[in-house]
Amino acid sequence: MERDGQLQLYGVLAARLKQAHLRVANPEVPDGTRRELSRRLLAVTAVAKHDLADAARRLDVLTAELDELGIPDR
C-alpha cells in the first residue's frame, strides 16, 4: 500500500516538474535567470530520486519564485 502512495507522489511530482521546466523554458525569461532556474530544477530532480518530500518542498519554493518573477504557466 505504501508503495502505491509513493508511486502516486512520484507521478504528481513529475507532472509539477514538467510544468516548471516549461515555465523556465519560456523565451521571455532572460538567459542568466533561465540558467539559474534550470540548475535548481535539476537539483530538485536529483533530490527526488532519494527524498520525494524534500523534493516537493524545494519545488514549492521554486514555483513560488517563478510566480513572483511573473513567469506564466504555458
Protein backbone atom coordinates (compact mmCIF):
# COMPACT_ATOMS: atom_id res chain seq x y z
CA MET A 1 0.00 0.00 0.00
CA GLU A 2 2.80 2.43 0.88
CA ARG A 3 4.45 1.72 -2.46
CA ASP A 4 1.29 2.78 -4.31
CA GLY A 5 1.24 6.08 -2.42
CA GLN A 6 4.88 6.67 -3.26
CA LEU A 7 4.26 5.97 -6.94
CA GLN A 8 1.35 8.38 -6.91
CA LEU A 9 3.54 11.07 -5.28
CA TYR A 10 6.19 10.43 -7.95
CA GLY A 11 3.57 11.00 -10.64
CA VAL A 12 2.38 14.25 -9.07
CA LEU A 13 5.93 15.49 -8.59
CA ALA A 14 6.89 14.53 -12.14
CA ALA A 15 3.94 16.48 -13.56
CA ARG A 16 4.84 19.52 -11.44
CA LEU A 17 8.50 19.34 -12.53
CA LYS A 18 7.43 19.12 -16.16
CA GLN A 19 5.27 22.23 -15.73
CA ALA A 20 8.12 24.08 -14.01
CA HIS A 21 10.50 23.17 -16.84
CA LEU A 22 8.01 24.53 -19.36
CA ARG A 23 7.76 27.78 -17.41
CA VAL A 24 11.55 28.15 -17.21
CA ALA A 25 11.87 27.47 -20.95
CA ASN A 26 9.66 30.49 -21.67
CA PRO A 27 11.52 32.65 -24.23
CA GLU A 28 10.74 35.75 -22.18
CA VAL A 29 12.94 34.53 -19.31
CA PRO A 30 16.40 36.16 -19.52
CA ASP A 31 19.25 33.72 -20.26
CA GLY A 32 21.03 34.17 -16.91
CA THR A 33 17.82 33.66 -15.00
CA ARG A 34 16.94 30.63 -17.12
CA ARG A 35 20.33 29.05 -16.42
CA GLU A 36 19.97 29.53 -12.66
CA LEU A 37 16.40 28.23 -12.60
CA SER A 38 17.36 25.24 -14.76
CA ARG A 39 20.20 24.41 -12.39
CA ARG A 40 17.79 24.49 -9.45
CA LEU A 41 15.26 22.31 -11.29
CA LEU A 42 17.97 19.74 -11.95
CA ALA A 43 18.83 19.78 -8.25
CA VAL A 44 15.18 19.18 -7.34
CA THR A 45 15.06 16.31 -9.83
CA ALA A 46 18.18 14.77 -8.26
CA VAL A 47 16.72 15.08 -4.76
CA ALA A 48 13.51 13.40 -5.94
CA LYS A 49 15.48 10.20 -6.51
CA HIS A 50 16.16 9.95 -2.78
CA ASP A 51 13.59 12.06 -0.90
CA LEU A 52 10.25 12.84 -2.52
CA ALA A 53 9.02 15.02 0.35
CA ASP A 54 12.14 17.22 0.27
CA ALA A 55 11.93 17.50 -3.50
CA ALA A 56 8.29 18.57 -3.24
CA ARG A 57 9.20 21.25 -0.66
CA ARG A 58 12.03 22.54 -2.85
CA LEU A 59 9.73 22.61 -5.86
CA ASP A 60 7.15 24.57 -3.85
CA VAL A 61 9.78 27.22 -3.12
CA LEU A 62 10.91 27.34 -6.74
CA THR A 63 7.33 27.53 -8.03
CA ALA A 64 6.63 30.43 -5.68
CA GLU A 65 9.70 32.19 -7.05
CA LEU A 66 8.50 31.62 -10.62
CA ASP A 67 5.19 33.17 -9.61
CA GLU A 68 6.97 36.17 -8.05
CA LEU A 69 9.04 36.64 -11.20
CA GLY A 70 5.83 36.66 -13.22
CA ILE A 71 6.80 33.68 -15.33
CA PRO A 72 3.46 32.39 -16.64
CA ASP A 73 2.29 28.80 -16.97
CA ARG A 74 2.39 27.60 -20.56
